[in-house]
Amino acid sequence: MTTLTAPRLFLLALAVTAALLTMPSITAHAQSDLALAIDVGPQGNAGATLGPLEDCVTAEVGDVFQIDVVILDVTDLLAWELSVEFDPEVVDVVDHDVKQFQEADGVSAVIDVSQQLPDEPGFYTLSAFESSDPPAVDSGSGVLARLTVEAV
Protein backbone atom coordinates (compact mmCIF):
# COMPACT_ATOMS: atom_id res chain seq x y z
CA MET A 1 0.00 0.00 0.00
CA THR A 2 1.32 3.42 -0.92
CA THR A 3 0.27 6.70 0.62
CA LEU A 4 0.31 9.45 -1.94
CA THR A 5 0.52 13.02 -0.78
CA ALA A 6 -0.05 15.97 -3.06
CA PRO A 7 3.65 16.97 -3.02
CA ARG A 8 4.79 13.43 -3.82
CA LEU A 9 2.05 12.82 -6.32
CA PHE A 10 2.75 15.98 -8.23
CA LEU A 11 6.36 17.04 -8.01
CA LEU A 12 6.21 20.77 -8.12
CA ALA A 13 2.52 20.04 -7.77
CA LEU A 14 1.73 22.85 -10.04
CA ALA A 15 4.72 23.64 -12.11
CA VAL A 16 2.10 25.96 -13.17
CA THR A 17 2.59 27.35 -16.49
CA ALA A 18 -0.93 28.39 -15.78
CA ALA A 19 -1.22 30.97 -18.41
CA LEU A 20 -4.75 31.74 -17.40
CA LEU A 21 -6.18 34.27 -19.72
CA THR A 22 -9.08 36.44 -18.75
CA MET A 23 -11.32 38.66 -20.79
CA PRO A 24 -12.96 41.61 -19.04
CA SER A 25 -13.86 43.20 -22.38
CA ILE A 26 -11.80 42.65 -25.56
CA THR A 27 -8.26 42.53 -24.22
CA ALA A 28 -6.97 39.26 -22.75
CA HIS A 29 -4.60 39.28 -19.78
CA ALA A 30 -3.32 36.94 -17.09
CA GLN A 31 -4.69 37.24 -13.57
CA SER A 32 -1.77 37.90 -11.22
CA ASP A 33 -3.25 36.83 -7.86
CA LEU A 34 -4.42 33.42 -9.01
CA ALA A 35 -4.69 30.46 -6.64
CA LEU A 36 -4.68 26.80 -7.67
CA ALA A 37 -4.72 23.68 -5.48
CA ILE A 38 -4.51 19.91 -5.85
CA ASP A 39 -7.36 17.91 -4.31
CA VAL A 40 -6.54 14.19 -4.16
CA GLY A 41 -9.93 13.38 -2.61
CA PRO A 42 -12.37 15.10 -4.97
CA GLN A 43 -15.57 13.73 -3.43
CA GLY A 44 -17.98 16.65 -3.27
CA ASN A 45 -16.33 18.53 -6.13
CA ALA A 46 -18.34 19.20 -9.29
CA GLY A 47 -17.97 22.08 -11.72
CA ALA A 48 -18.15 25.27 -9.69
CA THR A 49 -18.74 23.45 -6.37
CA LEU A 50 -15.86 22.41 -4.12
CA GLY A 51 -15.89 20.04 -1.16
CA PRO A 52 -13.09 19.96 1.43
CA LEU A 53 -9.61 19.89 -0.14
CA GLU A 54 -7.70 16.68 0.63
CA ASP A 55 -3.90 16.44 0.32
CA CYS A 56 -3.39 12.71 0.92
CA VAL A 57 -4.78 9.48 -0.53
CA THR A 58 -3.84 5.83 -0.03
CA ALA A 59 -3.80 3.57 -3.08
CA GLU A 60 -2.75 0.07 -4.05
CA VAL A 61 -0.85 -0.65 -7.26
CA GLY A 62 -3.45 -0.82 -10.03
CA ASP A 63 -5.98 1.42 -8.26
CA VAL A 64 -7.53 4.02 -10.54
CA PHE A 65 -8.70 7.24 -8.89
CA GLN A 66 -9.30 10.90 -9.63
CA ILE A 67 -7.44 14.03 -8.63
CA ASP A 68 -8.72 17.56 -9.13
CA VAL A 69 -6.79 20.70 -9.92
CA VAL A 70 -9.02 23.41 -8.49
CA ILE A 71 -8.99 27.11 -9.21
CA LEU A 72 -9.89 29.58 -6.48
CA ASP A 73 -11.41 33.03 -6.95
CA VAL A 74 -10.64 33.49 -10.65
CA THR A 75 -12.16 36.44 -12.47
CA ASP A 76 -13.35 36.33 -16.08
CA LEU A 77 -11.68 33.07 -17.13
CA LEU A 78 -11.64 32.60 -20.88
CA ALA A 79 -8.73 30.24 -21.63
CA TRP A 80 -5.97 28.50 -19.70
CA GLU A 81 -2.99 26.18 -19.93
CA LEU A 82 -1.56 24.16 -17.08
CA SER A 83 1.58 22.04 -16.97
CA VAL A 84 1.50 19.30 -14.36
CA GLU A 85 4.58 17.40 -13.29
CA PHE A 86 4.17 14.02 -11.56
CA ASP A 87 6.25 11.01 -10.53
CA PRO A 88 5.72 8.33 -13.22
CA GLU A 89 6.97 5.69 -10.77
CA VAL A 90 3.97 6.48 -8.54
CA VAL A 91 1.09 7.25 -10.94
CA ASP A 92 0.22 7.20 -14.61
CA VAL A 93 -2.34 9.64 -16.06
CA VAL A 94 -5.02 7.67 -17.93
CA ASP A 95 -7.68 10.32 -18.63
CA HIS A 96 -8.68 13.94 -18.00
CA ASP A 97 -11.65 16.32 -17.98
CA VAL A 98 -11.01 20.05 -18.39
CA LYS A 99 -14.56 21.29 -18.94
CA GLN A 100 -16.17 21.09 -15.49
CA PHE A 101 -15.65 24.64 -14.17
CA GLN A 102 -16.18 26.50 -17.42
CA GLU A 103 -19.24 24.49 -18.46
CA ALA A 104 -20.89 24.73 -15.02
CA ASP A 105 -22.66 27.93 -16.14
CA GLY A 106 -24.60 26.00 -18.79
CA VAL A 107 -23.76 28.46 -21.59
CA SER A 108 -20.04 27.98 -22.21
CA ALA A 109 -18.77 26.04 -25.22
CA VAL A 110 -15.40 24.79 -23.99
CA ILE A 111 -12.88 23.21 -26.34
CA ASP A 112 -10.29 20.86 -24.84
CA VAL A 113 -6.88 21.39 -26.48
CA SER A 114 -4.91 19.27 -23.99
CA GLN A 115 -2.45 16.56 -24.92
CA GLN A 116 -4.30 13.28 -25.51
CA LEU A 117 -2.33 11.58 -22.72
CA PRO A 118 1.15 12.34 -21.42
CA ASP A 119 3.67 11.66 -24.18
CA GLU A 120 6.58 12.39 -21.87
CA PRO A 121 6.86 10.48 -18.56
CA GLY A 122 6.09 12.73 -15.61
CA PHE A 123 4.84 15.75 -17.54
CA TYR A 124 1.37 16.61 -18.84
CA THR A 125 -0.05 19.77 -20.39
CA LEU A 126 -3.75 20.52 -20.08
CA SER A 127 -5.54 23.44 -21.70
CA ALA A 128 -8.98 24.62 -22.72
CA PHE A 129 -10.72 27.70 -24.03
CA GLU A 130 -14.19 29.19 -24.20
CA SER A 131 -15.34 29.22 -27.83
CA SER A 132 -18.87 30.61 -27.72
CA ASP A 133 -19.65 33.89 -29.45
CA PRO A 134 -19.92 36.11 -27.55
CA PRO A 135 -17.59 34.49 -24.99
CA ALA A 136 -19.12 33.37 -21.69
CA VAL A 137 -16.31 34.13 -19.25
CA ASP A 138 -16.35 32.40 -15.86
CA SER A 139 -15.55 33.65 -12.37
CA GLY A 140 -15.35 32.01 -8.97
CA SER A 141 -13.91 28.70 -7.79
CA GLY A 142 -14.22 25.13 -9.06
CA VAL A 143 -12.69 22.09 -10.75
CA LEU A 144 -10.36 23.39 -13.45
CA ALA A 145 -9.14 19.92 -14.41
CA ARG A 146 -9.86 16.39 -13.22
CA LEU A 147 -7.14 13.82 -13.81
CA THR A 148 -7.83 10.11 -13.70
CA VAL A 149 -4.67 8.32 -12.60
CA GLU A 150 -3.55 4.77 -11.97
CA ALA A 151 -1.18 3.86 -9.12
CA VAL A 152 1.84 2.01 -10.51
C-alpha atoms as a PDB file:
ATOM      1  CA  MET A   1       0.000   0.000   0.000  1.00  0.00           C
ATOM      2  CA  THR A   2       1.318   3.424  -0.922  1.00  0.00           C
ATOM      3  CA  THR A   3       0.270   6.696   0.621  1.00  0.00           C
ATOM      4  CA  LEU A   4       0.311   9.448  -1.941  1.00  0.00           C
ATOM      5  CA  THR A   5       0.517  13.019  -0.779  1.00  0.00           C
ATOM      6  CA  ALA A   6      -0.049  15.967  -3.059  1.00  0.00           C
ATOM      7  CA  PRO A   7       3.646  16.974  -3.024  1.00  0.00           C
ATOM      8  CA  ARG A   8       4.794  13.427  -3.818  1.00  0.00           C
ATOM      9  CA  LEU A   9       2.049  12.820  -6.324  1.00  0.00           C
ATOM     10  CA  PHE A  10       2.749  15.981  -8.233  1.00  0.00           C
ATOM     11  CA  LEU A  11       6.358  17.035  -8.013  1.00  0.00           C
ATOM     12  CA  LEU A  12       6.210  20.766  -8.120  1.00  0.00           C
ATOM     13  CA  ALA A  13       2.515  20.042  -7.767  1.00  0.00           C
ATOM     14  CA  LEU A  14       1.732  22.850 -10.036  1.00  0.00           C
ATOM     15  CA  ALA A  15       4.719  23.639 -12.110  1.00  0.00           C
ATOM     16  CA  VAL A  16       2.095  25.965 -13.172  1.00  0.00           C
ATOM     17  CA  THR A  17       2.591  27.346 -16.492  1.00  0.00           C
ATOM     18  CA  ALA A  18      -0.930  28.393 -15.784  1.00  0.00           C
ATOM     19  CA  ALA A  19      -1.221  30.974 -18.411  1.00  0.00           C
ATOM     20  CA  LEU A  20      -4.752  31.737 -17.402  1.00  0.00           C
ATOM     21  CA  LEU A  21      -6.176  34.274 -19.721  1.00  0.00           C
ATOM     22  CA  THR A  22      -9.078  36.439 -18.753  1.00  0.00           C
ATOM     23  CA  MET A  23     -11.315  38.660 -20.785  1.00  0.00           C
ATOM     24  CA  PRO A  24     -12.957  41.606 -19.037  1.00  0.00           C
ATOM     25  CA  SER A  25     -13.857  43.197 -22.382  1.00  0.00           C
ATOM     26  CA  ILE A  26     -11.804  42.648 -25.556  1.00  0.00           C
ATOM     27  CA  THR A  27      -8.259  42.532 -24.221  1.00  0.00           C
ATOM     28  CA  ALA A  28      -6.974  39.262 -22.754  1.00  0.00           C
ATOM     29  CA  HIS A  29      -4.598  39.278 -19.783  1.00  0.00           C
ATOM     30  CA  ALA A  30      -3.323  36.941 -17.088  1.00  0.00           C
ATOM     31  CA  GLN A  31      -4.692  37.245 -13.573  1.00  0.00           C
ATOM     32  CA  SER A  32      -1.773  37.898 -11.223  1.00  0.00           C
ATOM     33  CA  ASP A  33      -3.247  36.828  -7.858  1.00  0.00           C
ATOM     34  CA  LEU A  34      -4.415  33.425  -9.009  1.00  0.00           C
ATOM     35  CA  ALA A  35      -4.690  30.464  -6.638  1.00  0.00           C
ATOM     36  CA  LEU A  36      -4.683  26.798  -7.666  1.00  0.00           C
ATOM     37  CA  ALA A  37      -4.722  23.684  -5.477  1.00  0.00           C
ATOM     38  CA  ILE A  38      -4.508  19.911  -5.846  1.00  0.00           C
ATOM     39  CA  ASP A  39      -7.361  17.914  -4.312  1.00  0.00           C
ATOM     40  CA  VAL A  40      -6.537  14.194  -4.158  1.00  0.00           C
ATOM     41  CA  GLY A  41      -9.925  13.382  -2.613  1.00  0.00           C
ATOM     42  CA  PRO A  42     -12.367  15.099  -4.974  1.00  0.00           C
ATOM     43  CA  GLN A  43     -15.568  13.726  -3.429  1.00  0.00           C
ATOM     44  CA  GLY A  44     -17.983  16.646  -3.265  1.00  0.00           C
ATOM     45  CA  ASN A  45     -16.334  18.532  -6.134  1.00  0.00           C
ATOM     46  CA  ALA A  46     -18.338  19.205  -9.287  1.00  0.00           C
ATOM     47  CA  GLY A  47     -17.974  22.082 -11.724  1.00  0.00           C
ATOM     48  CA  ALA A  48     -18.155  25.265  -9.687  1.00  0.00           C
ATOM     49  CA  THR A  49     -18.742  23.455  -6.367  1.00  0.00           C
ATOM     50  CA  LEU A  50     -15.859  22.409  -4.117  1.00  0.00           C
ATOM     51  CA  GLY A  51     -15.886  20.040  -1.156  1.00  0.00           C
ATOM     52  CA  PRO A  52     -13.092  19.956   1.430  1.00  0.00           C
ATOM     53  CA  LEU A  53      -9.609  19.894  -0.141  1.00  0.00           C
ATOM     54  CA  GLU A  54      -7.705  16.683   0.633  1.00  0.00           C
ATOM     55  CA  ASP A  55      -3.903  16.436   0.321  1.00  0.00           C
ATOM     56  CA  CYS A  56      -3.391  12.711   0.918  1.00  0.00           C
ATOM     57  CA  VAL A  57      -4.785   9.476  -0.526  1.00  0.00           C
ATOM     58  CA  THR A  58      -3.845   5.827  -0.032  1.00  0.00           C
ATOM     59  CA  ALA A  59      -3.804   3.575  -3.083  1.00  0.00           C
ATOM     60  CA  GLU A  60      -2.751   0.066  -4.047  1.00  0.00           C
ATOM     61  CA  VAL A  61      -0.853  -0.655  -7.257  1.00  0.00           C
ATOM     62  CA  GLY A  62      -3.449  -0.823 -10.030  1.00  0.00           C
ATOM     63  CA  ASP A  63      -5.979   1.420  -8.258  1.00  0.00           C
ATOM     64  CA  VAL A  64      -7.528   4.020 -10.543  1.00  0.00           C
ATOM     65  CA  PHE A  65      -8.702   7.238  -8.894  1.00  0.00           C
ATOM     66  CA  GLN A  66      -9.304  10.901  -9.627  1.00  0.00           C
ATOM     67  CA  ILE A  67      -7.438  14.030  -8.628  1.00  0.00           C
ATOM     68  CA  ASP A  68      -8.722  17.559  -9.126  1.00  0.00           C
ATOM     69  CA  VAL A  69      -6.793  20.700  -9.922  1.00  0.00           C
ATOM     70  CA  VAL A  70      -9.019  23.411  -8.486  1.00  0.00           C
ATOM     71  CA  ILE A  71      -8.993  27.106  -9.206  1.00  0.00           C
ATOM     72  CA  LEU A  72      -9.886  29.583  -6.477  1.00  0.00           C
ATOM     73  CA  ASP A  73     -11.407  33.028  -6.951  1.00  0.00           C
ATOM     74  CA  VAL A  74     -10.639  33.491 -10.647  1.00  0.00           C
ATOM     75  CA  THR A  75     -12.158  36.444 -12.468  1.00  0.00           C
ATOM     76  CA  ASP A  76     -13.347  36.327 -16.083  1.00  0.00           C
ATOM     77  CA  LEU A  77     -11.684  33.066 -17.129  1.00  0.00           C
ATOM     78  CA  LEU A  78     -11.641  32.603 -20.879  1.00  0.00           C
ATOM     79  CA  ALA A  79      -8.730  30.242 -21.626  1.00  0.00           C
ATOM     80  CA  TRP A  80      -5.973  28.501 -19.705  1.00  0.00           C
ATOM     81  CA  GLU A  81      -2.994  26.179 -19.932  1.00  0.00           C
ATOM     82  CA  LEU A  82      -1.562  24.160 -17.080  1.00  0.00           C
ATOM     83  CA  SER A  83       1.577  22.037 -16.973  1.00  0.00           C
ATOM     84  CA  VAL A  84       1.498  19.301 -14.362  1.00  0.00           C
ATOM     85  CA  GLU A  85       4.578  17.400 -13.293  1.00  0.00           C
ATOM     86  CA  PHE A  86       4.171  14.017 -11.559  1.00  0.00           C
ATOM     87  CA  ASP A  87       6.250  11.013 -10.527  1.00  0.00           C
ATOM     88  CA  PRO A  88       5.725   8.328 -13.224  1.00  0.00           C
ATOM     89  CA  GLU A  89       6.966   5.686 -10.769  1.00  0.00           C
ATOM     90  CA  VAL A  90       3.968   6.479  -8.542  1.00  0.00           C
ATOM     91  CA  VAL A  91       1.095   7.252 -10.938  1.00  0.00           C
ATOM     92  CA  ASP A  92       0.216   7.204 -14.614  1.00  0.00           C
ATOM     93  CA  VAL A  93      -2.342   9.644 -16.063  1.00  0.00           C
ATOM     94  CA  VAL A  94      -5.019   7.669 -17.931  1.00  0.00           C
ATOM     95  CA  ASP A  95      -7.680  10.320 -18.626  1.00  0.00           C
ATOM     96  CA  HIS A  96      -8.675  13.944 -18.003  1.00  0.00           C
ATOM     97  CA  ASP A  97     -11.648  16.316 -17.983  1.00  0.00           C
ATOM     98  CA  VAL A  98     -11.007  20.046 -18.392  1.00  0.00           C
ATOM     99  CA  LYS A  99     -14.555  21.290 -18.941  1.00  0.00           C
ATOM    100  CA  GLN A 100     -16.173  21.092 -15.490  1.00  0.00           C
ATOM    101  CA  PHE A 101     -15.655  24.638 -14.167  1.00  0.00           C
ATOM    102  CA  GLN A 102     -16.182  26.501 -17.416  1.00  0.00           C
ATOM    103  CA  GLU A 103     -19.244  24.489 -18.462  1.00  0.00           C
ATOM    104  CA  ALA A 104     -20.887  24.734 -15.016  1.00  0.00           C
ATOM    105  CA  ASP A 105     -22.660  27.930 -16.136  1.00  0.00           C
ATOM    106  CA  GLY A 106     -24.602  26.002 -18.787  1.00  0.00           C
ATOM    107  CA  VAL A 107     -23.760  28.457 -21.586  1.00  0.00           C
ATOM    108  CA  SER A 108     -20.037  27.977 -22.213  1.00  0.00           C
ATOM    109  CA  ALA A 109     -18.766  26.039 -25.223  1.00  0.00           C
ATOM    110  CA  VAL A 110     -15.404  24.794 -23.991  1.00  0.00           C
ATOM    111  CA  ILE A 111     -12.883  23.206 -26.338  1.00  0.00           C
ATOM    112  CA  ASP A 112     -10.289  20.856 -24.838  1.00  0.00           C
ATOM    113  CA  VAL A 113      -6.883  21.386 -26.478  1.00  0.00           C
ATOM    114  CA  SER A 114      -4.912  19.271 -23.990  1.00  0.00           C
ATOM    115  CA  GLN A 115      -2.445  16.559 -24.916  1.00  0.00           C
ATOM    116  CA  GLN A 116      -4.297  13.280 -25.505  1.00  0.00           C
ATOM    117  CA  LEU A 117      -2.330  11.577 -22.725  1.00  0.00           C
ATOM    118  CA  PRO A 118       1.155  12.338 -21.425  1.00  0.00           C
ATOM    119  CA  ASP A 119       3.673  11.656 -24.183  1.00  0.00           C
ATOM    120  CA  GLU A 120       6.576  12.393 -21.870  1.00  0.00           C
ATOM    121  CA  PRO A 121       6.863  10.482 -18.556  1.00  0.00           C
ATOM    122  CA  GLY A 122       6.089  12.734 -15.610  1.00  0.00           C
ATOM    123  CA  PHE A 123       4.836  15.752 -17.537  1.00  0.00           C
ATOM    124  CA  TYR A 124       1.368  16.614 -18.840  1.00  0.00           C
ATOM    125  CA  THR A 125      -0.053  19.765 -20.391  1.00  0.00           C
ATOM    126  CA  LEU A 126      -3.749  20.520 -20.083  1.00  0.00           C
ATOM    127  CA  SER A 127      -5.536  23.438 -21.703  1.00  0.00           C
ATOM    128  CA  ALA A 128      -8.979  24.618 -22.715  1.00  0.00           C
ATOM    129  CA  PHE A 129     -10.720  27.701 -24.031  1.00  0.00           C
ATOM    130  CA  GLU A 130     -14.187  29.185 -24.202  1.00  0.00           C
ATOM    131  CA  SER A 131     -15.344  29.216 -27.833  1.00  0.00           C
ATOM    132  CA  SER A 132     -18.874  30.613 -27.716  1.00  0.00           C
ATOM    133  CA  ASP A 133     -19.653  33.889 -29.448  1.00  0.00           C
ATOM    134  CA  PRO A 134     -19.925  36.110 -27.548  1.00  0.00           C
ATOM    135  CA  PRO A 135     -17.594  34.488 -24.989  1.00  0.00           C
ATOM    136  CA  ALA A 136     -19.116  33.367 -21.690  1.00  0.00           C
ATOM    137  CA  VAL A 137     -16.307  34.134 -19.245  1.00  0.00           C
ATOM    138  CA  ASP A 138     -16.351  32.396 -15.859  1.00  0.00           C
ATOM    139  CA  SER A 139     -15.553  33.649 -12.369  1.00  0.00           C
ATOM    140  CA  GLY A 140     -15.352  32.006  -8.966  1.00  0.00           C
ATOM    141  CA  SER A 141     -13.907  28.699  -7.787  1.00  0.00           C
ATOM    142  CA  GLY A 142     -14.215  25.134  -9.056  1.00  0.00           C
ATOM    143  CA  VAL A 143     -12.695  22.095 -10.745  1.00  0.00           C
ATOM    144  CA  LEU A 144     -10.360  23.392 -13.447  1.00  0.00           C
ATOM    145  CA  ALA A 145      -9.138  19.918 -14.405  1.00  0.00           C
ATOM    146  CA  ARG A 146      -9.864  16.389 -13.217  1.00  0.00           C
ATOM    147  CA  LEU A 147      -7.139  13.820 -13.809  1.00  0.00           C
ATOM    148  CA  THR A 148      -7.830  10.109 -13.704  1.00  0.00           C
ATOM    149  CA  VAL A 149      -4.670   8.324 -12.603  1.00  0.00           C
ATOM    150  CA  GLU A 150      -3.549   4.768 -11.968  1.00  0.00           C
ATOM    151  CA  ALA A 151      -1.181   3.860  -9.122  1.00  0.00           C
ATOM    152  CA  VAL A 152       1.835   2.007 -10.514  1.00  0.00           C
END
